[in-house]
Amino acid sequence: MTVAPLLELDAVRIRYQGGGRATPDGVSLDIRPGEVVLVLGPSGCGKSTLALALDGLVPHAIAAELDGTVHVAGADTRERSVAELSEHVAMVFQDPDAQIVTGTLLDEVAFGPENRLVPAAEVLERAERALKLVGLWDRRADNPDVLSGGGRQRLAIACALALASPVLVLDEPTANLDPAGIDEVYAVLRELANERDHAIVLIEHNLDAAVDIVDRVLVLDAAGRLVIDGPVRDVLRGRAGELLELGVWLPVSTLAAMRLRAAGVPIDPLPLTPAELAAALEAIETLPAPAPDPASVPAASAPAVTVRGCSVRRGGRRGPVVVNEVDLDVASGDFLAVIGTNGAGKTTLLQAIAGVLPAPQGTVDVLGMDPSRADARDRAGRIGFVFQNPEHQFVAHTVADELDLGLRLQGVAEPERRDEVERMLRRFDLAEHADRHPFLLSGGQKRRLSVGTALVAGAPVLALDEPTFGQDRARAAELLDILRALNEEGTTVLVVTHDLQLVADYASRVAVMQDGRLLGVGPTAEVLAGPLIEAAGLRHPPLARATRSLVRHPEWQSVTRMSQLPGRTAA
């Protein structure tokens, strides 16, 4: 007997008011109980928009035109309210703070079913089950604000579970999480997937974490059309080349194996996890020697950034200390990655360096300037800053005006500004969106715009908080290559990131933080091979996890960067 689908989409096209082309465009598919479906596609193809249509937020709550039909449990979403549809589809957004509204974990999880007028006894029963499933029942009286990023994301999942909806939709649930938080979230999703009585729809770029729970992969192309639909291993292994052409993410282990294959190393089938890559390498009798680590530490030079005794409290003088007595020197021309778990103080330290926080205790010097006391023009001329959430820095009404603002602050003449804005629009693939409001861009497009606003003024120091958040593989690589080129030309780059493979491949030095303190700073290869990673509660990047334990090929144990692999990077 065929099980009826929980979701049915027929020729779905969605166009935002004031937007250009429709994305997604003509998507038809069914999703049935027991399926865990991964949605992939390049930035701007309509993945998040598609997710918003599954629970009726499009078209009911978001100004967008929906063509085609979305049926949830047999009902057309146009004919049901969002509240009615929530009985069938629950949504977990990228940012858990965007959906947390109460003062305790128990109240938060009970909030949804209470608003659906579920009897009190059943509300408590659902809340207890959901909180126990995500490992937060013992903290049910805590305020959500005291949870880590991974804890808040697990709480958001618990809230969705308490609705008892048969479909759970998650949009980049691990985008802002450290490796421990990612493990926490996927432990919950793995348990849900094993129950097989509902469906999970997952939008995710961290495929190294997701691949072992997914059954089926849907791939949208840049135009928002559904071009691939099939079992996860068939798609990621058998059609990896097509996925690369589309610019979507693949697991790091798969990318590494494709590079090795191109160099003549016989790896078949393609591995999807670090464990599979390690097993494939161990099975090969002779491997070519890895390339030497190309990382170069800048020659001794005057520091671009000097931090002494920097301490920052959250919420004023009586708030908790989130950065504690940090001393840090960043040489001119360095590419420094600041890493640590959620709550380690990375973002706060970066904000103190960039001057977007009130003056901290201690001193911060950026090329002879105290950024917290400088005026906007002087600060923008010396350090460009990119927030973790792009919306926090947008102030203009169009994309072009947002890029123009920094140039106007610098006093650049109008004809030069116009030429530079057009160049940046092309560089970041935003030309067709020049007249759109920044808030109407996709998540990936917002991130590119935020980076463009930092680069356009040509500041000699750039500070970026999670610069690849929301980007597809092609755009992330393009952005990082831009940063590397600027760095090679002399720009000092500071990056806060949870992506340790990014750190391994691009950073020349790494600063490791824990509980607001700086545990240590050093060359990337030394830090990734040393004890600081475990001391900070982090996990080694995927490539290092595959190579560190190799017995048959000990010369490969220090390989952490893709550029150390023989062959050329797949593109």
Protein backbone atom coordinates (compact mmCIF):
# COMPACT_ATOMS: atom_id res chain seq x y z
CA MET A 1 0.00 0.00 0.00
CA THR A 2 1.41 3.39 -1.04
CA VAL A 3 1.60 5.92 1.81
CA ALA A 4 0.01 9.27 0.99
CA PRO A 5 2.50 12.13 0.70
CA LEU A 6 2.73 14.67 3.51
CA LEU A 7 3.76 17.40 1.07
CA GLU A 8 2.86 17.75 -2.61
CA LEU A 9 4.25 20.54 -4.78
CA ASP A 10 3.12 21.07 -8.35
CA ALA A 11 4.87 23.59 -10.64
CA VAL A 12 5.67 25.92 -7.74
CA ARG A 13 7.02 29.34 -8.77
CA ILE A 14 7.58 32.13 -6.22
CA ARG A 15 8.37 35.74 -7.00
CA TYR A 16 8.89 38.35 -4.27
CA GLN A 17 7.21 41.72 -4.59
CA GLY A 18 9.74 44.06 -6.14
CA GLY A 19 11.88 41.08 -7.14
CA GLY A 20 13.05 39.90 -10.52
CA ARG A 21 12.77 36.31 -11.68
CA ALA A 22 10.92 33.59 -9.82
CA THR A 23 12.95 31.33 -7.53
CA PRO A 24 12.08 28.51 -7.12
CA ASP A 25 10.79 28.08 -10.65
CA GLY A 26 8.45 25.22 -11.59
CA VAL A 27 9.31 22.81 -8.75
CA SER A 28 7.19 19.67 -8.48
CA LEU A 29 7.78 16.94 -5.90
CA ASP A 30 6.21 14.74 -3.20
CA ILE A 31 7.60 14.07 0.29
CA ARG A 32 6.35 11.08 2.27
CA PRO A 33 6.58 9.93 5.92
CA GLY A 34 9.98 8.53 6.88
CA GLU A 35 11.96 10.58 4.36
CA VAL A 36 14.89 12.83 5.33
CA VAL A 37 15.28 15.17 2.36
CA LEU A 38 18.29 17.44 1.80
CA VAL A 39 17.75 20.50 -0.43
CA LEU A 40 20.88 21.79 -2.19
CA GLY A 41 21.44 24.62 -4.64
CA PRO A 42 23.53 27.74 -5.23
CA SER A 43 22.88 30.92 -3.26
CA GLY A 44 19.78 32.74 -4.50
CA CYS A 45 18.16 29.69 -6.13
CA GLY A 46 15.17 29.77 -3.77
CA LYS A 47 15.92 27.07 -1.16
CA SER A 48 14.81 29.14 1.84
CA THR A 49 11.88 30.56 -0.11
CA LEU A 50 10.77 27.02 -0.92
CA ALA A 51 10.96 26.14 2.78
CA LEU A 52 8.79 29.14 3.67
CA ALA A 53 6.14 27.92 1.23
CA LEU A 54 5.91 24.53 2.94
CA ASP A 55 4.34 25.99 6.09
CA GLY A 56 2.32 28.75 4.39
CA LEU A 57 4.47 31.73 5.37
CA VAL A 58 4.58 32.19 1.60
CA PRO A 59 2.09 33.51 0.56
CA HIS A 60 0.24 34.36 3.81
CA ALA A 61 2.88 36.24 5.85
CA ILE A 62 5.51 37.20 3.27
CA ALA A 63 4.84 39.47 0.33
CA ALA A 64 5.39 37.07 -2.55
CA GLU A 65 3.43 35.72 -5.50
CA LEU A 66 2.93 31.96 -5.49
CA ASP A 67 2.10 30.15 -8.72
CA GLY A 68 1.40 26.45 -8.81
CA THR A 69 0.17 24.59 -5.74
CA VAL A 70 1.53 23.44 -2.40
CA HIS A 71 -0.58 20.78 -0.68
CA VAL A 72 0.04 19.98 2.99
CA ALA A 73 -1.76 16.85 4.20
CA GLY A 74 -3.95 17.13 1.11
CA ALA A 75 -4.96 20.77 1.69
CA ASP A 76 -3.98 23.70 -0.55
CA THR A 77 -1.88 26.10 1.56
CA ARG A 78 -3.75 29.06 0.04
CA GLU A 79 -6.92 27.81 1.72
CA ARG A 80 -5.46 27.26 5.20
CA SER A 81 -4.01 29.72 7.71
CA VAL A 82 -0.43 29.49 8.92
CA ALA A 83 -1.77 28.40 12.32
CA GLU A 84 -3.73 25.54 10.73
CA LEU A 85 -0.75 24.50 8.61
CA SER A 86 1.48 24.43 11.70
CA GLU A 87 -0.40 21.31 12.77
CA HIS A 88 1.29 19.58 9.85
CA VAL A 89 4.58 21.47 9.25
CA ALA A 90 6.93 22.91 11.89
CA MET A 91 9.79 25.24 10.94
CA VAL A 92 13.22 25.80 12.50
CA PHE A 93 14.91 28.92 11.16
CA GLN A 94 18.62 29.70 10.66
CA ASP A 95 18.70 31.96 13.72
CA PRO A 96 17.04 30.40 16.79
CA ASP A 97 16.90 33.79 18.52
CA ALA A 98 14.40 34.90 15.86
CA GLN A 99 11.80 32.48 17.26
CA ILE A 100 12.46 32.46 21.03
CA VAL A 101 9.98 34.65 22.95
CA THR A 102 9.60 33.51 26.58
CA GLY A 103 11.66 33.47 29.79
CA THR A 104 12.16 29.74 30.46
CA LEU A 105 12.83 26.69 28.33
CA LEU A 106 9.63 25.00 29.52
CA ASP A 107 7.48 28.05 28.71
CA GLU A 108 9.13 28.32 25.30
CA VAL A 109 8.36 24.72 24.33
CA ALA A 110 4.83 24.96 25.72
CA PHE A 111 4.12 28.23 23.88
CA GLY A 112 3.23 26.64 20.51
CA PRO A 113 0.81 23.96 21.64
CA GLU A 114 -0.76 26.39 24.15
CA ASN A 115 -1.57 28.74 21.29
CA ARG A 116 -3.18 25.83 19.47
CA LEU A 117 -5.44 25.30 22.54
CA VAL A 118 -4.00 21.86 23.29
CA PRO A 119 -5.22 20.65 26.74
CA ALA A 120 -2.82 21.59 29.55
CA ALA A 121 -1.93 18.01 30.48
CA GLU A 122 -1.02 17.20 26.90
CA VAL A 123 1.00 20.44 26.57
CA LEU A 124 3.15 19.42 29.55
CA GLU A 125 3.48 15.88 28.23
CA ARG A 126 4.63 17.14 24.82
CA ALA A 127 7.01 19.69 26.36
CA GLU A 128 8.62 17.07 28.61
CA ARG A 129 9.07 14.62 25.76
CA ALA A 130 10.54 17.27 23.43
CA LEU A 131 12.94 18.67 26.02
CA LYS A 132 14.10 15.19 27.01
CA LEU A 133 14.65 14.29 23.38
CA VAL A 134 16.99 17.27 22.88
CA GLY A 135 18.68 16.80 26.26
CA LEU A 136 17.36 19.97 27.93
CA TRP A 137 14.74 18.69 30.38
CA ASP A 138 17.03 19.22 33.38
CA ARG A 139 17.39 22.87 32.37
CA ARG A 140 13.69 23.52 31.84
CA ALA A 141 13.64 26.40 34.38
CA ASP A 142 16.60 28.21 32.76
CA ASN A 143 16.29 31.34 30.66
CA PRO A 144 17.02 30.58 26.98
CA ASP A 145 19.56 33.41 26.99
CA VAL A 146 21.98 31.35 29.09
CA LEU A 147 22.11 28.50 26.57
CA SER A 148 24.94 28.10 24.08
CA GLY A 149 24.24 28.51 20.39
CA GLY A 150 23.86 24.75 20.05
CA GLY A 151 21.58 24.70 23.07
CA ARG A 152 19.32 27.41 21.63
CA GLN A 153 19.12 25.58 18.33
CA ARG A 154 18.17 22.36 20.16
CA LEU A 155 15.53 24.39 22.03
CA ALA A 156 14.13 25.64 18.70
CA ILE A 157 13.94 22.03 17.53
CA ALA A 158 12.16 21.06 20.77
CA CYS A 159 9.60 23.83 20.15
CA ALA A 160 8.95 22.42 16.70
CA LEU A 161 8.65 18.88 18.07
CA ALA A 162 6.14 19.96 20.71
CA LEU A 163 3.78 21.00 17.93
CA ALA A 164 3.61 17.29 17.01
CA SER A 165 3.69 18.17 13.34
CA PRO A 166 4.53 15.27 11.00
CA VAL A 167 6.89 17.45 8.88
CA LEU A 168 9.94 19.22 10.33
CA VAL A 169 11.63 21.82 8.09
CA LEU A 170 15.08 23.11 9.10
CA ASP A 171 16.79 25.98 7.26
CA GLU A 172 20.58 25.93 7.84
CA PRO A 173 20.16 24.77 11.47
CA THR A 174 23.92 24.61 12.12
CA ALA A 175 25.05 27.72 10.25
CA ASN A 176 26.13 29.62 13.38
CA LEU A 177 27.22 26.67 15.52
CA ASP A 178 30.59 25.37 16.64
CA PRO A 179 31.44 21.69 16.02
CA ALA A 180 30.10 20.64 19.43
CA GLY A 181 26.82 22.45 18.77
CA ILE A 182 26.57 20.82 15.34
CA ASP A 183 27.04 17.41 16.92
CA GLU A 184 24.29 18.22 19.46
CA VAL A 185 21.80 19.18 16.76
CA TYR A 186 22.52 16.18 14.55
CA ALA A 187 22.29 13.79 17.48
CA VAL A 188 18.69 14.97 17.88
CA LEU A 189 17.94 14.80 14.16
CA ARG A 190 19.46 11.31 13.95
CA GLU A 191 17.13 10.09 16.67
CA LEU A 192 14.14 11.69 14.91
CA ALA A 193 15.16 10.18 11.59
CA ASN A 194 15.25 6.73 13.16
CA GLU A 195 11.59 7.02 14.19
CA ARG A 196 10.51 7.04 10.50
CA ASP A 197 6.99 8.30 11.24
CA HIS A 198 7.43 11.82 9.94
CA ALA A 199 9.47 13.68 7.32
CA ILE A 200 12.46 15.99 7.74
CA VAL A 201 13.28 18.61 5.11
CA LEU A 202 16.79 19.98 5.59
CA ILE A 203 18.53 22.94 3.95
CA GLU A 204 22.17 22.61 4.91
CA HIS A 205 25.62 23.34 3.50
CA ASN A 206 27.54 21.43 6.18
CA LEU A 207 27.24 18.10 4.40
CA ASP A 208 29.97 16.50 6.50
CA ALA A 209 27.51 16.55 9.41
CA ALA A 210 24.30 15.85 7.47
CA VAL A 211 25.19 13.09 5.06
CA ASP A 212 24.68 10.10 7.35
CA ILE A 213 21.04 10.92 8.21
CA VAL A 214 19.81 11.94 4.75
CA ASP A 215 17.86 9.58 2.45
CA ARG A 216 17.19 11.78 -0.56
CA VAL A 217 18.72 14.85 -2.19
CA LEU A 218 16.91 17.55 -4.16
CA VAL A 219 19.08 19.96 -6.15
CA LEU A 220 17.97 23.32 -7.57
CA ASP A 221 20.01 25.07 -10.23
CA ALA A 222 20.81 28.79 -10.26
CA ALA A 223 17.47 29.50 -11.97
CA GLY A 224 15.55 27.73 -9.18
CA ARG A 225 14.61 24.67 -11.24
CA LEU A 226 14.65 21.17 -9.76
CA VAL A 227 17.37 19.38 -11.74
CA ILE A 228 18.33 16.40 -9.55
CA ASP A 229 16.21 14.21 -7.26
CA GLY A 230 17.57 10.92 -5.97
CA PRO A 231 19.07 8.81 -3.13
CA VAL A 232 21.79 10.64 -1.22
CA ARG A 233 24.72 8.39 -2.06
CA ASP A 234 23.72 8.03 -5.69
CA VAL A 235 23.55 11.82 -6.06
CA LEU A 236 26.62 12.85 -4.05
CA ARG A 237 28.83 10.11 -5.49
CA GLY A 238 27.46 9.52 -8.96
CA ARG A 239 26.72 13.12 -9.86
CA ALA A 240 29.44 14.94 -7.92
CA GLY A 241 30.79 16.56 -11.07
CA GLU A 242 27.39 18.04 -11.90
CA LEU A 243 27.04 19.36 -8.37
CA LEU A 244 30.42 21.08 -8.64
CA GLU A 245 29.34 22.67 -11.92
CA LEU A 246 26.21 23.97 -10.19
CA GLY A 247 28.38 25.47 -7.45
CA VAL A 248 26.80 23.62 -4.50
CA TRP A 249 28.59 22.22 -1.49
CA LEU A 250 29.98 18.71 -1.34
CA PRO A 251 31.49 16.97 1.69
CA VAL A 252 35.15 17.90 2.20
CA SER A 253 36.10 14.22 2.00
CA THR A 254 34.43 13.95 -1.42
CA LEU A 255 36.21 17.04 -2.73
CA ALA A 256 39.53 15.70 -1.45
CA ALA A 257 38.96 12.33 -3.14
CA MET A 258 38.03 14.00 -6.43
CA ARG A 259 41.29 15.94 -6.35
CA LEU A 260 43.23 12.76 -5.63
CA ARG A 261 41.42 10.93 -8.42
CA ALA A 262 42.47 13.67 -10.83
CA ALA A 263 46.08 13.02 -9.74
CA GLY A 264 45.74 9.33 -10.56
CA VAL A 265 45.02 7.99 -7.07
CA PRO A 266 42.49 5.12 -7.47
CA ILE A 267 39.66 5.98 -5.06
CA ASP A 268 36.36 4.29 -5.86
CA PRO A 269 33.67 4.81 -4.72
CA LEU A 270 33.94 8.45 -3.68
CA PRO A 271 33.95 8.80 0.13
CA LEU A 272 31.39 11.01 1.84
CA THR A 273 32.85 11.14 5.36
CA PRO A 274 36.33 11.50 6.91
CA ALA A 275 36.15 7.87 8.09
CA GLU A 276 35.40 6.69 4.54
CA LEU A 277 38.26 8.81 3.14
CA ALA A 278 40.68 7.43 5.75
CA ALA A 279 39.66 3.86 4.92
CA ALA A 280 40.11 4.51 1.20
CA LEU A 281 43.60 5.94 1.73
CA GLU A 282 44.63 3.08 4.02
CA ALA A 283 43.56 0.58 1.36
CA ILE A 284 45.98 2.06 -1.20
CA GLU A 285 49.44 0.52 -1.11
CA THR A 286 51.36 3.53 -2.42
CA LEU A 287 50.31 7.15 -2.20
CA PRO A 288 52.14 10.07 -3.81
CA ALA A 289 53.90 12.35 -1.37
CA PRO A 290 51.72 15.21 -0.17
CA ALA A 291 52.69 18.69 -1.24
CA PRO A 292 54.46 20.78 1.40
CA ASP A 293 52.28 23.09 3.44
CA PRO A 294 52.18 26.30 1.37
CA ALA A 295 51.17 28.47 4.31
CA SER A 296 53.51 31.36 4.84
CA VAL A 297 53.76 33.34 8.05
CA PRO A 298 54.30 37.04 7.31
CA ALA A 299 57.81 38.27 7.91
CA ALA A 300 58.24 40.28 11.08
CA SER A 301 56.58 43.64 10.53
CA ALA A 302 54.92 46.38 12.50
CA PRO A 303 51.61 45.25 14.00
CA ALA A 304 48.46 46.41 12.29
CA VAL A 305 46.40 45.59 15.39
CA THR A 306 47.55 45.69 19.00
CA VAL A 307 45.23 44.61 21.83
CA ARG A 308 46.26 44.90 25.49
CA GLY A 309 44.24 43.85 28.52
CA CYS A 310 41.00 43.94 26.55
CA SER A 311 37.94 43.03 28.62
CA VAL A 312 34.30 43.38 27.60
CA ARG A 313 31.15 42.82 29.66
CA ARG A 314 27.81 41.98 28.10
CA GLY A 315 25.11 44.48 29.05
CA GLY A 316 27.26 47.07 30.83
CA ARG A 317 29.41 47.24 33.93
CA ARG A 318 27.47 44.63 35.90
CA GLY A 319 27.06 42.15 33.06
CA PRO A 320 29.06 38.94 32.65
CA VAL A 321 32.61 39.17 31.29
CA VAL A 322 32.68 37.78 27.72
CA VAL A 323 36.21 38.88 26.79
CA ASN A 324 38.72 38.63 29.61
CA GLU A 325 42.15 40.33 29.64
CA VAL A 326 43.07 39.53 26.03
CA ASP A 327 46.49 40.52 24.65
CA LEU A 328 46.88 40.08 20.90
CA ASP A 329 49.19 41.34 18.15
CA VAL A 330 48.22 41.02 14.49
CA ALA A 331 51.06 41.77 12.08
CA SER A 332 50.47 43.84 8.96
CA GLY A 333 49.71 41.45 6.13
CA ASP A 334 48.55 38.63 8.41
CA PHE A 335 45.50 36.44 7.72
CA LEU A 336 44.34 35.59 11.23
CA ALA A 337 41.46 33.25 12.04
CA VAL A 338 39.87 33.55 15.50
CA ILE A 339 38.27 30.26 16.54
CA GLY A 340 36.53 28.77 19.57
CA THR A 341 33.23 27.31 20.66
CA ASN A 342 29.98 29.30 20.82
CA GLY A 343 30.27 31.76 23.69
CA ALA A 344 34.08 31.80 23.65
CA GLY A 345 34.13 35.57 23.00
CA LYS A 346 35.31 35.52 19.37
CA THR A 347 32.71 37.87 17.92
CA THR A 348 32.91 40.27 20.86
CA LEU A 349 36.69 40.50 20.53
CA LEU A 350 36.37 41.18 16.79
CA GLN A 351 33.74 43.85 17.44
CA ALA A 352 36.01 45.49 20.02
CA ILE A 353 38.86 45.54 17.49
CA ALA A 354 36.56 47.03 14.83
CA GLY A 355 35.21 49.69 17.18
CA VAL A 356 31.55 48.74 16.89
CA LEU A 357 31.32 48.28 20.67
CA PRO A 358 31.69 50.98 23.32
CA ALA A 359 35.29 51.43 24.44
CA PRO A 360 36.36 48.22 26.21
CA GLN A 361 38.59 48.01 29.24
CA GLY A 362 42.21 47.96 28.15
CA THR A 363 43.44 49.28 24.82
CA VAL A 364 42.86 48.52 21.14
CA ASP A 365 45.04 50.12 18.47
CA VAL A 366 44.43 49.74 14.72
CA LEU A 367 47.19 51.43 12.71
CA GLY A 368 47.55 54.14 15.36
CA MET A 369 43.81 54.66 15.85
CA ASP A 370 41.55 53.77 18.77
CA PRO A 371 38.56 52.48 16.75
CA SER A 372 36.02 52.90 19.55
CA ARG A 373 36.75 56.64 19.77
CA ALA A 374 37.34 57.45 16.08
CA ASP A 375 34.69 59.05 13.92
CA ALA A 376 32.96 56.99 11.25
CA ARG A 377 35.09 58.33 8.38
CA ASP A 378 38.44 57.62 10.05
CA ARG A 379 37.29 54.18 11.21
CA ALA A 380 35.96 53.17 7.77
CA GLY A 381 39.23 54.33 6.20
CA ARG A 382 41.31 51.98 8.35
CA ILE A 383 39.18 48.96 9.19
CA GLY A 384 36.25 47.44 7.35
CA PHE A 385 33.87 45.28 9.40
CA VAL A 386 31.35 42.62 8.37
CA PHE A 387 28.74 41.58 10.95
CA GLN A 388 27.67 37.97 11.46
CA ASN A 389 24.10 39.01 10.61
CA PRO A 390 24.23 41.20 7.47
CA GLU A 391 20.99 43.00 8.34
CA HIS A 392 22.74 44.63 11.30
CA GLN A 393 24.77 46.86 8.97
CA PHE A 394 22.33 47.77 6.19
CA VAL A 395 21.07 51.37 6.29
CA ALA A 396 20.31 52.29 2.66
CA HIS A 397 17.20 51.57 0.62
CA THR A 398 18.91 49.95 -2.37
CA VAL A 399 21.84 47.61 -2.88
CA ALA A 400 23.68 50.21 -4.96
CA ASP A 401 23.20 52.91 -2.32
CA GLU A 402 24.50 50.54 0.36
CA LEU A 403 27.75 50.13 -1.58
CA ASP A 404 27.90 53.86 -2.32
CA LEU A 405 27.64 54.87 1.32
CA GLY A 406 31.20 53.96 2.31
CA LEU A 407 32.62 55.82 -0.66
CA ARG A 408 30.61 58.93 0.18
CA LEU A 409 31.95 58.79 3.74
CA GLN A 410 35.44 58.82 2.26
CA GLY A 411 34.63 61.89 0.16
CA VAL A 412 35.01 60.11 -3.20
CA ALA A 413 33.68 62.11 -6.16
CA GLU A 414 30.36 60.97 -7.69
CA PRO A 415 31.69 59.68 -11.07
CA GLU A 416 34.35 57.57 -9.33
CA ARG A 417 31.77 56.29 -6.85
CA ARG A 418 29.44 55.23 -9.65
CA ASP A 419 32.19 53.30 -11.44
CA GLU A 420 33.34 51.59 -8.25
CA VAL A 421 29.79 50.63 -7.24
CA GLU A 422 29.19 49.08 -10.66
CA ARG A 423 32.46 47.17 -10.37
CA MET A 424 31.52 45.79 -6.92
CA LEU A 425 28.02 44.87 -8.12
CA ARG A 426 29.56 42.78 -10.90
CA ARG A 427 32.25 41.32 -8.63
CA PHE A 428 29.67 40.01 -6.17
CA ASP A 429 27.04 39.03 -8.77
CA LEU A 430 24.56 41.64 -7.54
CA ALA A 431 24.18 43.77 -10.69
CA GLU A 432 20.61 42.60 -11.38
CA HIS A 433 19.66 43.49 -7.79
CA ALA A 434 21.18 47.01 -7.75
CA ASP A 435 17.79 48.71 -7.19
CA ARG A 436 16.38 46.16 -4.71
CA HIS A 437 16.14 46.81 -0.99
CA PRO A 438 18.94 44.90 0.79
CA PHE A 439 16.44 43.17 3.06
CA LEU A 440 14.78 41.54 0.01
CA LEU A 441 17.97 39.70 -0.99
CA SER A 442 18.54 36.02 -0.23
CA GLY A 443 20.72 35.14 2.73
CA GLY A 444 23.73 34.49 0.52
CA GLN A 445 23.21 37.69 -1.44
CA LYS A 446 22.97 39.71 1.79
CA ARG A 447 26.28 38.23 2.93
CA ARG A 448 27.96 39.16 -0.37
CA LEU A 449 26.60 42.69 -0.10
CA SER A 450 27.84 43.03 3.48
CA VAL A 451 31.33 41.93 2.43
CA GLY A 452 31.21 44.29 -0.53
CA THR A 453 30.40 47.24 1.72
CA ALA A 454 33.50 46.45 3.78
CA LEU A 455 35.75 46.05 0.74
CA VAL A 456 34.53 49.03 -1.26
CA ALA A 457 36.27 51.62 0.95
CA GLY A 458 39.64 49.89 0.52
CA ALA A 459 40.51 49.81 4.23
CA PRO A 460 43.95 48.26 4.99
CA VAL A 461 42.44 46.05 7.72
CA LEU A 462 39.36 43.87 7.23
CA ALA A 463 37.50 42.15 10.09
CA LEU A 464 34.84 39.62 9.06
CA ASP A 465 32.50 37.61 11.28
CA GLU A 466 31.54 34.30 9.58
CA PRO A 467 32.13 35.64 6.04
CA THR A 468 31.00 32.46 4.25
CA PHE A 469 27.73 32.09 6.17
CA GLY A 470 24.86 31.44 3.74
CA GLN A 471 27.11 31.10 0.69
CA ASP A 472 27.09 28.28 -1.82
CA ARG A 473 30.39 26.52 -2.52
CA ALA A 474 31.25 28.58 -5.59
CA ARG A 475 30.47 31.93 -3.94
CA ALA A 476 32.29 31.00 -0.74
CA ALA A 477 35.40 30.00 -2.70
CA GLU A 478 35.17 33.18 -4.77
CA LEU A 479 34.85 35.33 -1.66
CA LEU A 480 37.75 33.62 0.10
CA ASP A 481 39.89 33.94 -3.01
CA ILE A 482 39.13 37.69 -3.01
CA LEU A 483 40.21 37.90 0.62
CA ARG A 484 43.36 35.89 -0.09
CA ALA A 485 44.23 38.14 -3.05
CA LEU A 486 43.73 41.25 -0.92
CA ASN A 487 45.84 39.66 1.80
CA GLU A 488 48.62 38.89 -0.67
CA GLU A 489 48.50 42.55 -1.73
CA GLY A 490 49.06 43.61 1.88
CA THR A 491 45.59 43.84 3.45
CA THR A 492 45.45 42.50 6.99
CA VAL A 493 42.52 40.10 7.38
CA LEU A 494 40.88 38.94 10.60
CA VAL A 495 38.16 36.30 10.34
CA VAL A 496 35.94 34.74 12.99
CA THR A 497 34.66 31.38 11.80
CA HIS A 498 33.46 27.97 12.93
CA ASP A 499 34.58 26.39 9.66
CA LEU A 500 37.93 24.87 10.55
CA GLN A 501 38.48 23.60 7.02
CA LEU A 502 38.28 27.23 5.91
CA VAL A 503 40.86 28.02 8.59
CA ALA A 504 43.12 25.21 7.43
CA ASP A 505 42.95 26.28 3.78
CA TYR A 506 43.27 30.07 4.07
CA ALA A 507 44.58 31.38 7.39
CA SER A 508 48.29 31.95 8.04
CA ARG A 509 47.79 32.19 11.81
CA VAL A 510 45.12 31.08 14.27
CA ALA A 511 44.01 32.52 17.62
CA VAL A 512 42.12 30.09 19.87
CA MET A 513 39.66 31.39 22.49
CA GLN A 514 37.80 29.70 25.33
CA ASP A 515 35.53 31.26 27.96
CA GLY A 516 36.57 34.78 26.95
CA ARG A 517 40.30 34.14 27.25
CA LEU A 518 42.92 33.71 24.56
CA LEU A 519 44.36 30.21 24.90
CA GLY A 520 47.08 30.74 22.32
CA VAL A 521 48.10 32.08 18.92
CA GLY A 522 50.33 30.46 16.32
CA PRO A 523 50.88 29.38 12.72
CA THR A 524 47.88 27.49 11.34
CA ALA A 525 49.62 24.13 10.84
CA GLU A 526 51.06 24.17 14.37
CA VAL A 527 47.74 25.08 15.99
CA LEU A 528 45.74 22.49 14.06
CA ALA A 529 48.30 19.78 14.87
CA GLY A 530 48.69 20.74 18.53
CA PRO A 531 46.67 20.42 21.75
CA LEU A 532 44.82 23.76 21.54
CA ILE A 533 42.01 22.36 19.35
CA GLU A 534 40.98 19.74 21.92
CA ALA A 535 41.65 22.13 24.82
CA ALA A 536 39.15 24.59 23.35
CA GLY A 537 36.48 21.91 22.88
CA LEU A 538 36.77 21.96 19.08
CA ARG A 539 37.08 19.20 16.48
CA HIS A 540 39.77 18.98 13.86
CA PRO A 541 38.67 19.93 10.32
CA PRO A 542 37.37 17.09 8.14
CA LEU A 543 40.54 16.58 6.09
CA ALA A 544 42.69 16.44 9.22
CA ARG A 545 40.28 13.94 10.80
CA ALA A 546 40.80 11.69 7.79
CA THR A 547 44.60 11.92 7.72
CA ARG A 548 45.66 12.12 11.38
CA SER A 549 45.02 8.45 12.10
CA LEU A 550 46.61 7.00 8.96
CA VAL A 551 48.96 4.14 9.86
CA ARG A 552 50.04 2.92 6.46
CA HIS A 553 50.96 6.43 5.28
CA PRO A 554 52.37 8.34 8.28
CA GLU A 555 53.74 11.08 6.02
CA TRP A 556 50.12 12.07 5.38
CA GLN A 557 49.27 12.62 9.04
CA SER A 558 50.11 16.33 8.87
CA VAL A 559 47.93 17.02 5.83
CA THR A 560 45.26 19.56 6.76
CA ARG A 561 44.93 21.80 3.68
CA MET A 562 43.36 20.85 0.37
CA SER A 563 46.36 22.46 -1.35
CA GLN A 564 48.62 19.83 0.22
CA LEU A 565 46.89 17.11 -1.80
CA PRO A 566 48.43 16.04 -5.10
CA GLY A 567 46.52 17.19 -8.15
CA ARG A 568 44.34 20.22 -8.73
CA THR A 569 41.29 21.30 -6.80
CA ALA A 570 38.05 20.17 -8.44
CA ALA A 571 36.14 23.06 -9.92
